[in-house]
PDB file of all heavy atoms in Angstrom:
ATOM      1  N   THR A   1      13.648   1.043   4.604  1.00  0.00           N
ATOM      2  CA  THR A   1      13.487   2.487   4.801  1.00  0.00           C
ATOM      3  C   THR A   1      14.782   3.121   5.302  1.00  0.00           C
ATOM      4  O   THR A   1      15.029   4.300   5.064  1.00  0.00           O
ATOM      5  CB  THR A   1      12.360   2.769   5.809  1.00  0.00           C
ATOM      6  OG1 THR A   1      12.695   2.206   7.078  1.00  0.00           O
ATOM      7  CG2 THR A   1      11.044   2.183   5.333  1.00  0.00           C
ATOM      8  N   GLU A   2      15.624   2.337   5.981  1.00  0.00           N
ATOM      9  CA  GLU A   2      16.887   2.842   6.525  1.00  0.00           C
ATOM     10  C   GLU A   2      18.056   2.639   5.574  1.00  0.00           C
ATOM     11  O   GLU A   2      19.116   3.237   5.752  1.00  0.00           O
ATOM     12  CB  GLU A   2      17.191   2.162   7.856  1.00  0.00           C
ATOM     13  CG  GLU A   2      16.142   2.416   8.929  1.00  0.00           C
ATOM     14  CD  GLU A   2      16.497   1.749  10.235  1.00  0.00           C
ATOM     15  OE1 GLU A   2      17.705   1.530  10.479  1.00  0.00           O
ATOM     16  OE2 GLU A   2      15.579   1.441  11.013  1.00  0.00           O
ATOM     17  N   LEU A   3      17.861   1.754   4.592  1.00  0.00           N
ATOM     18  CA  LEU A   3      18.943   1.426   3.657  1.00  0.00           C
ATOM     19  C   LEU A   3      18.483   1.691   2.228  1.00  0.00           C
ATOM     20  O   LEU A   3      18.275   0.762   1.432  1.00  0.00           O
ATOM     21  CB  LEU A   3      19.350  -0.043   3.830  1.00  0.00           C
ATOM     22  CG  LEU A   3      19.770  -0.468   5.248  1.00  0.00           C
ATOM     23  CD1 LEU A   3      19.938  -1.982   5.326  1.00  0.00           C
ATOM     24  CD2 LEU A   3      21.050   0.244   5.672  1.00  0.00           C
ATOM     25  N   PRO A   4      18.330   2.955   1.858  1.00  0.00           N
ATOM     26  CA  PRO A   4      17.777   3.294   0.540  1.00  0.00           C
ATOM     27  C   PRO A   4      18.660   2.898  -0.629  1.00  0.00           C
ATOM     28  O   PRO A   4      18.186   2.825  -1.765  1.00  0.00           O
ATOM     29  CB  PRO A   4      17.605   4.815   0.618  1.00  0.00           C
ATOM     30  CG  PRO A   4      18.593   5.263   1.646  1.00  0.00           C
ATOM     31  CD  PRO A   4      18.638   4.158   2.655  1.00  0.00           C
ATOM     32  N   GLU A   5      19.942   2.617  -0.379  1.00  0.00           N
ATOM     33  CA  GLU A   5      20.858   2.232  -1.454  1.00  0.00           C
ATOM     34  C   GLU A   5      20.949   0.728  -1.611  1.00  0.00           C
ATOM     35  O   GLU A   5      21.810   0.226  -2.343  1.00  0.00           O
ATOM     36  CB  GLU A   5      22.256   2.801  -1.164  1.00  0.00           C
ATOM     37  CG  GLU A   5      22.306   4.310  -1.101  1.00  0.00           C
ATOM     38  CD  GLU A   5      21.845   4.952  -2.410  1.00  0.00           C
ATOM     39  OE1 GLU A   5      22.250   4.459  -3.482  1.00  0.00           O
ATOM     40  OE2 GLU A   5      21.080   5.934  -2.352  1.00  0.00           O
ATOM     41  N   THR A   6      20.069  -0.007  -0.925  1.00  0.00           N
ATOM     42  CA  THR A   6      20.138  -1.462  -0.939  1.00  0.00           C
ATOM     43  C   THR A   6      18.861  -2.070  -1.515  1.00  0.00           C
ATOM     44  O   THR A   6      17.759  -1.635  -1.179  1.00  0.00           O
ATOM     45  CB  THR A   6      20.356  -2.002   0.487  1.00  0.00           C
ATOM     46  OG1 THR A   6      21.556  -1.432   1.020  1.00  0.00           O
ATOM     47  CG2 THR A   6      20.476  -3.523   0.495  1.00  0.00           C
ATOM     48  N   LYS A   7      19.033  -3.076  -2.372  1.00  0.00           N
ATOM     49  CA  LYS A   7      17.901  -3.804  -2.934  1.00  0.00           C
ATOM     50  C   LYS A   7      17.757  -5.142  -2.222  1.00  0.00           C
ATOM     51  O   LYS A   7      18.750  -5.827  -1.957  1.00  0.00           O
ATOM     52  CB  LYS A   7      18.108  -4.037  -4.437  1.00  0.00           C
ATOM     53  CG  LYS A   7      16.943  -4.762  -5.110  1.00  0.00           C
ATOM     54  CD  LYS A   7      17.162  -4.862  -6.618  1.00  0.00           C
ATOM     55  CE  LYS A   7      15.971  -5.518  -7.300  1.00  0.00           C
ATOM     56  NZ  LYS A   7      16.130  -5.567  -8.770  1.00  0.00           N
ATOM     57  N   PHE A   8      16.516  -5.515  -1.921  1.00  0.00           N
ATOM     58  CA  PHE A   8      16.230  -6.757  -1.225  1.00  0.00           C
ATOM     59  C   PHE A   8      15.460  -7.681  -2.174  1.00  0.00           C
ATOM     60  O   PHE A   8      14.366  -7.337  -2.626  1.00  0.00           O
ATOM     61  CB  PHE A   8      15.402  -6.491   0.029  1.00  0.00           C
ATOM     62  CG  PHE A   8      16.066  -5.546   0.994  1.00  0.00           C
ATOM     63  CD1 PHE A   8      15.879  -4.169   0.872  1.00  0.00           C
ATOM     64  CD2 PHE A   8      16.895  -6.017   1.999  1.00  0.00           C
ATOM     65  CE1 PHE A   8      16.489  -3.292   1.752  1.00  0.00           C
ATOM     66  CE2 PHE A   8      17.516  -5.145   2.879  1.00  0.00           C
ATOM     67  CZ  PHE A   8      17.321  -3.776   2.754  1.00  0.00           C
ATOM     68  N   LEU A   9      16.038  -8.846  -2.461  1.00  0.00           N
ATOM     69  CA  LEU A   9      15.383  -9.834  -3.312  1.00  0.00           C
ATOM     70  C   LEU A   9      14.940 -11.007  -2.445  1.00  0.00           C
ATOM     71  O   LEU A   9      15.776 -11.709  -1.857  1.00  0.00           O
ATOM     72  CB  LEU A   9      16.337 -10.327  -4.399  1.00  0.00           C
ATOM     73  CG  LEU A   9      16.565  -9.415  -5.613  1.00  0.00           C
ATOM     74  CD1 LEU A   9      17.562 -10.081  -6.567  1.00  0.00           C
ATOM     75  CD2 LEU A   9      15.257  -9.129  -6.327  1.00  0.00           C
ATOM     76  N   LEU A  10      13.634 -11.219  -2.368  1.00  0.00           N
ATOM     77  CA  LEU A  10      13.072 -12.300  -1.566  1.00  0.00           C
ATOM     78  C   LEU A  10      12.791 -13.508  -2.456  1.00  0.00           C
ATOM     79  O   LEU A  10      12.044 -13.403  -3.434  1.00  0.00           O
ATOM     80  CB  LEU A  10      11.783 -11.834  -0.901  1.00  0.00           C
ATOM     81  CG  LEU A  10      11.940 -10.732   0.154  1.00  0.00           C
ATOM     82  CD1 LEU A  10      10.592 -10.137   0.506  1.00  0.00           C
ATOM     83  CD2 LEU A  10      12.622 -11.281   1.395  1.00  0.00           C
ATOM     84  N   PHE A  11      13.382 -14.642  -2.096  1.00  0.00           N
ATOM     85  CA  PHE A  11      13.211 -15.874  -2.860  1.00  0.00           C
ATOM     86  C   PHE A  11      12.252 -16.796  -2.111  1.00  0.00           C
ATOM     87  O   PHE A  11      12.465 -17.093  -0.932  1.00  0.00           O
ATOM     88  CB  PHE A  11      14.561 -16.582  -3.050  1.00  0.00           C
ATOM     89  CG  PHE A  11      15.496 -15.861  -3.969  1.00  0.00           C
ATOM     90  CD1 PHE A  11      16.148 -14.699  -3.552  1.00  0.00           C
ATOM     91  CD2 PHE A  11      15.725 -16.328  -5.262  1.00  0.00           C
ATOM     92  CE1 PHE A  11      17.012 -14.029  -4.402  1.00  0.00           C
ATOM     93  CE2 PHE A  11      16.589 -15.656  -6.112  1.00  0.00           C
ATOM     94  CZ  PHE A  11      17.228 -14.500  -5.686  1.00  0.00           C
ATOM     95  N   GLY A  12      11.178 -17.242  -2.805  1.00  0.00           N
ATOM     96  CA  GLY A  12      10.241 -18.129  -2.149  1.00  0.00           C
ATOM     97  C   GLY A  12       8.926 -18.231  -2.877  1.00  0.00           C
ATOM     98  O   GLY A  12       8.819 -17.882  -4.067  1.00  0.00           O
ATOM     99  N   ASP A  13       7.928 -18.703  -2.158  1.00  0.00           N
ATOM    100  CA  ASP A  13       6.597 -18.878  -2.717  1.00  0.00           C
ATOM    101  C   ASP A  13       6.007 -17.513  -3.076  1.00  0.00           C
ATOM    102  O   ASP A  13       5.767 -16.681  -2.206  1.00  0.00           O
ATOM    103  CB  ASP A  13       5.708 -19.588  -1.701  1.00  0.00           C
ATOM    104  CG  ASP A  13       4.332 -19.902  -2.239  1.00  0.00           C
ATOM    105  OD1 ASP A  13       3.506 -18.966  -2.299  1.00  0.00           O
ATOM    106  OD2 ASP A  13       4.084 -21.062  -2.589  1.00  0.00           O
ATOM    107  N   LYS A  14       5.785 -17.300  -4.361  1.00  0.00           N
ATOM    108  CA  LYS A  14       5.361 -15.975  -4.849  1.00  0.00           C
ATOM    109  C   LYS A  14       4.047 -15.527  -4.223  1.00  0.00           C
ATOM    110  O   LYS A  14       3.910 -14.372  -3.810  1.00  0.00           O
ATOM    111  CB  LYS A  14       5.232 -16.006  -6.376  1.00  0.00           C
ATOM    112  CG  LYS A  14       4.887 -14.651  -6.990  1.00  0.00           C
ATOM    113  CD  LYS A  14       4.871 -14.751  -8.512  1.00  0.00           C
ATOM    114  CE  LYS A  14       4.551 -13.402  -9.142  1.00  0.00           C
ATOM    115  NZ  LYS A  14       4.542 -13.502 -10.632  1.00  0.00           N
ATOM    116  N   GLU A  15       3.078 -16.430  -4.132  1.00  0.00           N
ATOM    117  CA  GLU A  15       1.770 -16.058  -3.599  1.00  0.00           C
ATOM    118  C   GLU A  15       1.855 -15.663  -2.129  1.00  0.00           C
ATOM    119  O   GLU A  15       1.289 -14.647  -1.713  1.00  0.00           O
ATOM    120  CB  GLU A  15       0.777 -17.216  -3.778  1.00  0.00           C
ATOM    121  CG  GLU A  15      -0.637 -16.868  -3.323  1.00  0.00           C
ATOM    122  CD  GLU A  15      -1.616 -17.988  -3.605  1.00  0.00           C
ATOM    123  OE1 GLU A  15      -1.244 -18.961  -4.294  1.00  0.00           O
ATOM    124  OE2 GLU A  15      -2.756 -17.898  -3.132  1.00  0.00           O
ATOM    125  N   GLN A  16       2.588 -16.460  -1.344  1.00  0.00           N
ATOM    126  CA  GLN A  16       2.737 -16.134   0.079  1.00  0.00           C
ATOM    127  C   GLN A  16       3.410 -14.781   0.268  1.00  0.00           C
ATOM    128  O   GLN A  16       2.975 -13.961   1.082  1.00  0.00           O
ATOM    129  CB  GLN A  16       3.555 -17.211   0.788  1.00  0.00           C
ATOM    130  CG  GLN A  16       2.849 -18.509   1.036  1.00  0.00           C
ATOM    131  CD  GLN A  16       3.667 -19.409   1.956  1.00  0.00           C
ATOM    132  OE1 GLN A  16       3.984 -19.042   3.082  1.00  0.00           O
ATOM    133  NE2 GLN A  16       4.008 -20.589   1.457  1.00  0.00           N
ATOM    134  N   LEU A  17       4.463 -14.549  -0.471  1.00  0.00           N
ATOM    135  CA  LEU A  17       5.225 -13.305  -0.305  1.00  0.00           C
ATOM    136  C   LEU A  17       4.416 -12.093  -0.767  1.00  0.00           C
ATOM    137  O   LEU A  17       4.405 -11.057  -0.088  1.00  0.00           O
ATOM    138  CB  LEU A  17       6.542 -13.398  -1.079  1.00  0.00           C
ATOM    139  CG  LEU A  17       7.555 -14.417  -0.518  1.00  0.00           C
ATOM    140  CD1 LEU A  17       8.740 -14.566  -1.448  1.00  0.00           C
ATOM    141  CD2 LEU A  17       8.022 -14.003   0.875  1.00  0.00           C
ATOM    142  N   ARG A  18       3.737 -12.202  -1.884  1.00  0.00           N
ATOM    143  CA  ARG A  18       2.949 -11.069  -2.385  1.00  0.00           C
ATOM    144  C   ARG A  18       1.787 -10.738  -1.435  1.00  0.00           C
ATOM    145  O   ARG A  18       1.390  -9.572  -1.319  1.00  0.00           O
ATOM    146  CB  ARG A  18       2.414 -11.382  -3.778  1.00  0.00           C
ATOM    147  CG  ARG A  18       3.497 -11.327  -4.865  1.00  0.00           C
ATOM    148  CD  ARG A  18       4.100  -9.940  -4.969  1.00  0.00           C
ATOM    149  NE  ARG A  18       5.128  -9.835  -5.969  1.00  0.00           N
ATOM    150  CZ  ARG A  18       4.934  -9.412  -7.215  1.00  0.00           C
ATOM    151  NH1 ARG A  18       3.725  -9.070  -7.608  1.00  0.00           N
ATOM    152  NH2 ARG A  18       5.942  -9.335  -8.050  1.00  0.00           N
ATOM    153  N   ASN A  19       1.258 -11.753  -0.740  1.00  0.00           N
ATOM    154  CA  ASN A  19       0.188 -11.503   0.223  1.00  0.00           C
ATOM    155  C   ASN A  19       0.691 -10.769   1.464  1.00  0.00           C
ATOM    156  O   ASN A  19      -0.077 -10.113   2.164  1.00  0.00           O
ATOM    157  CB  ASN A  19      -0.473 -12.819   0.650  1.00  0.00           C
ATOM    158  CG  ASN A  19      -1.354 -13.403  -0.439  1.00  0.00           C
ATOM    159  OD1 ASN A  19      -1.808 -12.681  -1.332  1.00  0.00           O
ATOM    160  ND2 ASN A  19      -1.581 -14.704  -0.389  1.00  0.00           N
ATOM    161  N   LEU A  20       1.983 -10.886   1.743  1.00  0.00           N
ATOM    162  CA  LEU A  20       2.569 -10.254   2.930  1.00  0.00           C
ATOM    163  C   LEU A  20       3.135  -8.866   2.637  1.00  0.00           C
ATOM    164  O   LEU A  20       3.295  -8.060   3.552  1.00  0.00           O
ATOM    165  CB  LEU A  20       3.683 -11.143   3.494  1.00  0.00           C
ATOM    166  CG  LEU A  20       3.248 -12.473   4.118  1.00  0.00           C
ATOM    167  CD1 LEU A  20       4.465 -13.358   4.363  1.00  0.00           C
ATOM    168  CD2 LEU A  20       2.520 -12.223   5.439  1.00  0.00           C
ATOM    169  N   ILE A  21       3.442  -8.602   1.380  1.00  0.00           N
ATOM    170  CA  ILE A  21       4.064  -7.328   1.011  1.00  0.00           C
ATOM    171  C   ILE A  21       3.004  -6.393   0.442  1.00  0.00           C
ATOM    172  O   ILE A  21       2.347  -6.717  -0.556  1.00  0.00           O
ATOM    173  CB  ILE A  21       5.175  -7.546  -0.042  1.00  0.00           C
ATOM    174  CG1 ILE A  21       6.226  -8.522   0.489  1.00  0.00           C
ATOM    175  CG2 ILE A  21       5.826  -6.214  -0.392  1.00  0.00           C
ATOM    176  CD1 ILE A  21       7.239  -8.949  -0.560  1.00  0.00           C
ATOM    177  N   PRO A  22       2.826  -5.222   1.058  1.00  0.00           N
ATOM    178  CA  PRO A  22       1.874  -4.258   0.491  1.00  0.00           C
ATOM    179  C   PRO A  22       2.230  -3.923  -0.954  1.00  0.00           C
ATOM    180  O   PRO A  22       3.415  -3.822  -1.308  1.00  0.00           O
ATOM    181  CB  PRO A  22       2.040  -3.028   1.402  1.00  0.00           C
ATOM    182  CG  PRO A  22       2.576  -3.576   2.682  1.00  0.00           C
ATOM    183  CD  PRO A  22       3.449  -4.739   2.298  1.00  0.00           C
ATOM    184  N   ALA A  23       1.227  -3.763  -1.787  1.00  0.00           N
ATOM    185  CA  ALA A  23       1.444  -3.532  -3.223  1.00  0.00           C
ATOM    186  C   ALA A  23       2.343  -2.337  -3.480  1.00  0.00           C
ATOM    187  O   ALA A  23       3.166  -2.349  -4.402  1.00  0.00           O
ATOM    188  CB  ALA A  23       0.101  -3.356  -3.923  1.00  0.00           C
ATOM    189  N   ASN A  24       2.224  -1.299  -2.657  1.00  0.00           N
ATOM    190  CA  ASN A  24       3.025  -0.089  -2.892  1.00  0.00           C
ATOM    191  C   ASN A  24       4.485  -0.248  -2.463  1.00  0.00           C
ATOM    192  O   ASN A  24       5.296   0.656  -2.644  1.00  0.00           O
ATOM    193  CB  ASN A  24       2.393   1.113  -2.181  1.00  0.00           C
ATOM    194  CG  ASN A  24       2.370   0.950  -0.667  1.00  0.00           C
ATOM    195  OD1 ASN A  24       2.659  -0.123  -0.138  1.00  0.00           O
ATOM    196  ND2 ASN A  24       2.025   2.014   0.027  1.00  0.00           N
ATOM    197  N   GLN A  25       4.828  -1.416  -1.857  1.00  0.00           N
ATOM    198  CA  GLN A  25       6.205  -1.639  -1.428  1.00  0.00           C
ATOM    199  C   GLN A  25       7.044  -2.361  -2.486  1.00  0.00           C
ATOM    200  O   GLN A  25       8.267  -2.368  -2.409  1.00  0.00           O
ATOM    201  CB  GLN A  25       6.215  -2.450  -0.123  1.00  0.00           C
ATOM    202  CG  GLN A  25       5.652  -1.718   1.081  1.00  0.00           C
ATOM    203  CD  GLN A  25       6.540  -0.576   1.523  1.00  0.00           C
ATOM    204  OE1 GLN A  25       7.759  -0.614   1.353  1.00  0.00           O
ATOM    205  NE2 GLN A  25       5.934   0.462   2.089  1.00  0.00           N
ATOM    206  N   ILE A  26       6.396  -3.016  -3.442  1.00  0.00           N
ATOM    207  CA  ILE A  26       7.135  -3.670  -4.526  1.00  0.00           C
ATOM    208  C   ILE A  26       7.705  -2.583  -5.432  1.00  0.00           C
ATOM    209  O   ILE A  26       6.976  -1.762  -5.987  1.00  0.00           O
ATOM    210  CB  ILE A  26       6.216  -4.601  -5.338  1.00  0.00           C
ATOM    211  CG1 ILE A  26       5.678  -5.723  -4.440  1.00  0.00           C
ATOM    212  CG2 ILE A  26       6.952  -5.180  -6.531  1.00  0.00           C
ATOM    213  CD1 ILE A  26       6.721  -6.702  -3.978  1.00  0.00           C
ATOM    214  N   SER A  27       9.023  -2.558  -5.549  1.00  0.00           N
ATOM    215  CA  SER A  27       9.678  -1.474  -6.291  1.00  0.00           C
ATOM    216  C   SER A  27      11.045  -1.933  -6.740  1.00  0.00           C
ATOM    217  O   SER A  27      11.398  -3.116  -6.619  1.00  0.00           O
ATOM    218  CB  SER A  27       9.821  -0.242  -5.383  1.00  0.00           C
ATOM    219  OG  SER A  27      10.685  -0.555  -4.286  1.00  0.00           O
ATOM    220  N   ASP A  28      11.828  -0.989  -7.249  1.00  0.00           N
ATOM    221  CA  ASP A  28      13.200  -1.311  -7.628  1.00  0.00           C
ATOM    222  C   ASP A  28      14.031  -1.729  -6.425  1.00  0.00           C
ATOM    223  O   ASP A  28      15.082  -2.360  -6.575  1.00  0.00           O
ATOM    224  CB  ASP A  28      13.850  -0.090  -8.285  1.00  0.00           C
ATOM    225  CG  ASP A  28      13.264   0.213  -9.648  1.00  0.00           C
ATOM    226  OD1 ASP A  28      12.633  -0.694 -10.235  1.00  0.00           O
ATOM    227  OD2 ASP A  28      13.420   1.355 -10.121  1.00  0.00           O
ATOM    228  N   GLN A  29      13.566  -1.370  -5.223  1.00  0.00           N
ATOM    229  CA  GLN A  29      14.317  -1.697  -4.007  1.00  0.00           C
ATOM    230  C   GLN A  29      13.869  -3.012  -3.372  1.00  0.00           C
ATOM    231  O   GLN A  29      14.571  -3.565  -2.527  1.00  0.00           O
ATOM    232  CB  GLN A  29      14.166  -0.560  -2.980  1.00  0.00           C
ATOM    233  CG  GLN A  29      15.219  -0.621  -1.880  1.00  0.00           C
ATOM    234  CD  GLN A  29      14.948   0.370  -0.767  1.00  0.00           C
ATOM    235  OE1 GLN A  29      14.031   1.175  -0.836  1.00  0.00           O
ATOM    236  NE2 GLN A  29      15.764   0.313   0.288  1.00  0.00           N
ATOM    237  N   LEU A  30      12.720  -3.531  -3.750  1.00  0.00           N
ATOM    238  CA  LEU A  30      12.207  -4.765  -3.160  1.00  0.00           C
ATOM    239  C   LEU A  30      11.546  -5.619  -4.231  1.00  0.00           C
ATOM    240  O   LEU A  30      10.593  -5.185  -4.885  1.00  0.00           O
ATOM    241  CB  LEU A  30      11.188  -4.445  -2.057  1.00  0.00           C
ATOM    242  CG  LEU A  30      10.467  -5.641  -1.413  1.00  0.00           C
ATOM    243  CD1 LEU A  30      11.464  -6.616  -0.813  1.00  0.00           C
ATOM    244  CD2 LEU A  30       9.485  -5.153  -0.356  1.00  0.00           C
ATOM    245  N   GLY A  31      12.066  -6.822  -4.414  1.00  0.00           N
ATOM    246  CA  GLY A  31      11.519  -7.701  -5.430  1.00  0.00           C
ATOM    247  C   GLY A  31      11.325  -9.117  -4.920  1.00  0.00           C
ATOM    248  O   GLY A  31      11.848  -9.496  -3.870  1.00  0.00           O
ATOM    249  N   VAL A  32      10.564  -9.896  -5.662  1.00  0.00           N
ATOM    250  CA  VAL A  32      10.286 -11.289  -5.329  1.00  0.00           C
ATOM    251  C   VAL A  32      10.724 -12.173  -6.495  1.00  0.00           C
ATOM    252  O   VAL A  32      10.404 -11.885  -7.654  1.00  0.00           O
ATOM    253  CB  VAL A  32       8.785 -11.503  -5.044  1.00  0.00           C
ATOM    254  CG1 VAL A  32       8.465 -12.993  -4.901  1.00  0.00           C
ATOM    255  CG2 VAL A  32       8.364 -10.749  -3.783  1.00  0.00           C
ATOM    256  N   VAL A  33      11.460 -13.223  -6.168  1.00  0.00           N
ATOM    257  CA  VAL A  33      11.847 -14.218  -7.159  1.00  0.00           C
ATOM    258  C   VAL A  33      11.134 -15.520  -6.787  1.00  0.00           C
ATOM    259  O   VAL A  33      11.371 -16.089  -5.713  1.00  0.00           O
ATOM    260  CB  VAL A  33      13.368 -14.439  -7.196  1.00  0.00           C
ATOM    261  CG1 VAL A  33      13.727 -15.509  -8.224  1.00  0.00           C
ATOM    262  CG2 VAL A  33      14.095 -13.131  -7.513  1.00  0.00           C
ATOM    263  N   ALA A  34      10.251 -15.985  -7.664  1.00  0.00           N
ATOM    264  CA  ALA A  34       9.424 -17.147  -7.362  1.00  0.00           C
ATOM    265  C   ALA A  34      10.239 -18.439  -7.397  1.00  0.00           C
ATOM    266  O   ALA A  34      10.998 -18.694  -8.331  1.00  0.00           O
ATOM    267  CB  ALA A  34       8.273 -17.236  -8.354  1.00  0.00           C
ATOM    268  N   THR A  35      10.082 -19.262  -6.358  1.00  0.00           N
ATOM    269  CA  THR A  35      10.680 -20.598  -6.311  1.00  0.00           C
ATOM    270  C   THR A  35       9.603 -21.583  -5.862  1.00  0.00           C
ATOM    271  O   THR A  35       8.594 -21.200  -5.280  1.00  0.00           O
ATOM    272  CB  THR A  35      11.878 -20.651  -5.341  1.00  0.00           C
ATOM    273  OG1 THR A  35      11.437 -20.316  -4.018  1.00  0.00           O
ATOM    274  CG2 THR A  35      12.964 -19.683  -5.772  1.00  0.00           C
ATOM    275  N   THR A  36       9.851 -22.862  -6.114  1.00  0.00           N
ATOM    276  CA  THR A  36       8.814 -23.862  -5.850  1.00  0.00           C
ATOM    277  C   THR A  36       9.183 -24.881  -4.785  1.00  0.00           C
ATOM    278  O   THR A  36       8.367 -25.709  -4.401  1.00  0.00           O
ATOM    279  CB  THR A  36       8.487 -24.623  -7.147  1.00  0.00           C
ATOM    280  OG1 THR A  36       9.683 -25.271  -7.620  1.00  0.00           O
ATOM    281  CG2 THR A  36       7.965 -23.673  -8.219  1.00  0.00           C
ATOM    282  N   GLU A  37      10.420 -24.840  -4.285  1.00  0.00           N
ATOM    283  CA  GLU A  37      10.868 -25.835  -3.301  1.00  0.00           C
ATOM    284  C   GLU A  37      11.476 -25.155  -2.084  1.00  0.00           C
ATOM    285  O   GLU A  37      11.923 -24.007  -2.147  1.00  0.00           O
ATOM    286  CB  GLU A  37      11.900 -26.773  -3.927  1.00  0.00           C
ATOM    287  CG  GLU A  37      11.365 -27.614  -5.078  1.00  0.00           C
ATOM    288  CD  GLU A  37      12.456 -28.460  -5.709  1.00  0.00           C
ATOM    289  OE1 GLU A  37      13.390 -27.878  -6.306  1.00  0.00           O
ATOM    290  OE2 GLU A  37      12.373 -29.698  -5.598  1.00  0.00           O
ATOM    291  N   VAL A  38      11.504 -25.916  -0.975  1.00  0.00           N
ATOM    292  CA  VAL A  38      12.105 -25.432   0.268  1.00  0.00           C
ATOM    293  C   VAL A  38      13.007 -26.529   0.822  1.00  0.00           C
ATOM    294  O   VAL A  38      12.616 -27.704   0.861  1.00  0.00           O
ATOM    295  CB  VAL A  38      11.023 -25.081   1.317  1.00  0.00           C
ATOM    296  CG1 VAL A  38      11.674 -24.670   2.634  1.00  0.00           C
ATOM    297  CG2 VAL A  38      10.115 -23.970   0.803  1.00  0.00           C
ATOM    298  N   ILE A  39      14.204 -26.163   1.252  1.00  0.00           N
ATOM    299  CA  ILE A  39      15.089 -27.115   1.925  1.00  0.00           C
ATOM    300  C   ILE A  39      14.702 -27.150   3.401  1.00  0.00           C
ATOM    301  O   ILE A  39      14.768 -26.131   4.092  1.00  0.00           O
ATOM    302  CB  ILE A  39      16.564 -26.716   1.757  1.00  0.00           C
ATOM    303  CG1 ILE A  39      16.965 -26.846   0.277  1.00  0.00           C
ATOM    304  CG2 ILE A  39      17.467 -27.595   2.624  1.00  0.00           C
ATOM    305  CD1 ILE A  39      18.390 -26.421  -0.013  1.00  0.00           C
ATOM    306  N   ALA A  40      14.294 -28.320   3.867  1.00  0.00           N
ATOM    307  CA  ALA A  40      13.852 -28.473   5.257  1.00  0.00           C
ATOM    308  C   ALA A  40      15.040 -28.693   6.188  1.00  0.00           C
ATOM    309  O   ALA A  40      16.133 -29.083   5.747  1.00  0.00           O
ATOM    310  CB  ALA A  40      12.884 -29.644   5.356  1.00  0.00           C
TER     311      ALA A  40
END
């Protein structure tokens, strides 16, 4: 909301991330890239 000229791409488990992000927040400014592994 403070950085309207910036896009945020979240990389991770698609289902977990979509459950945390309100549907109306997914936009050109906020996206999810699905991945299947995590480095511990």
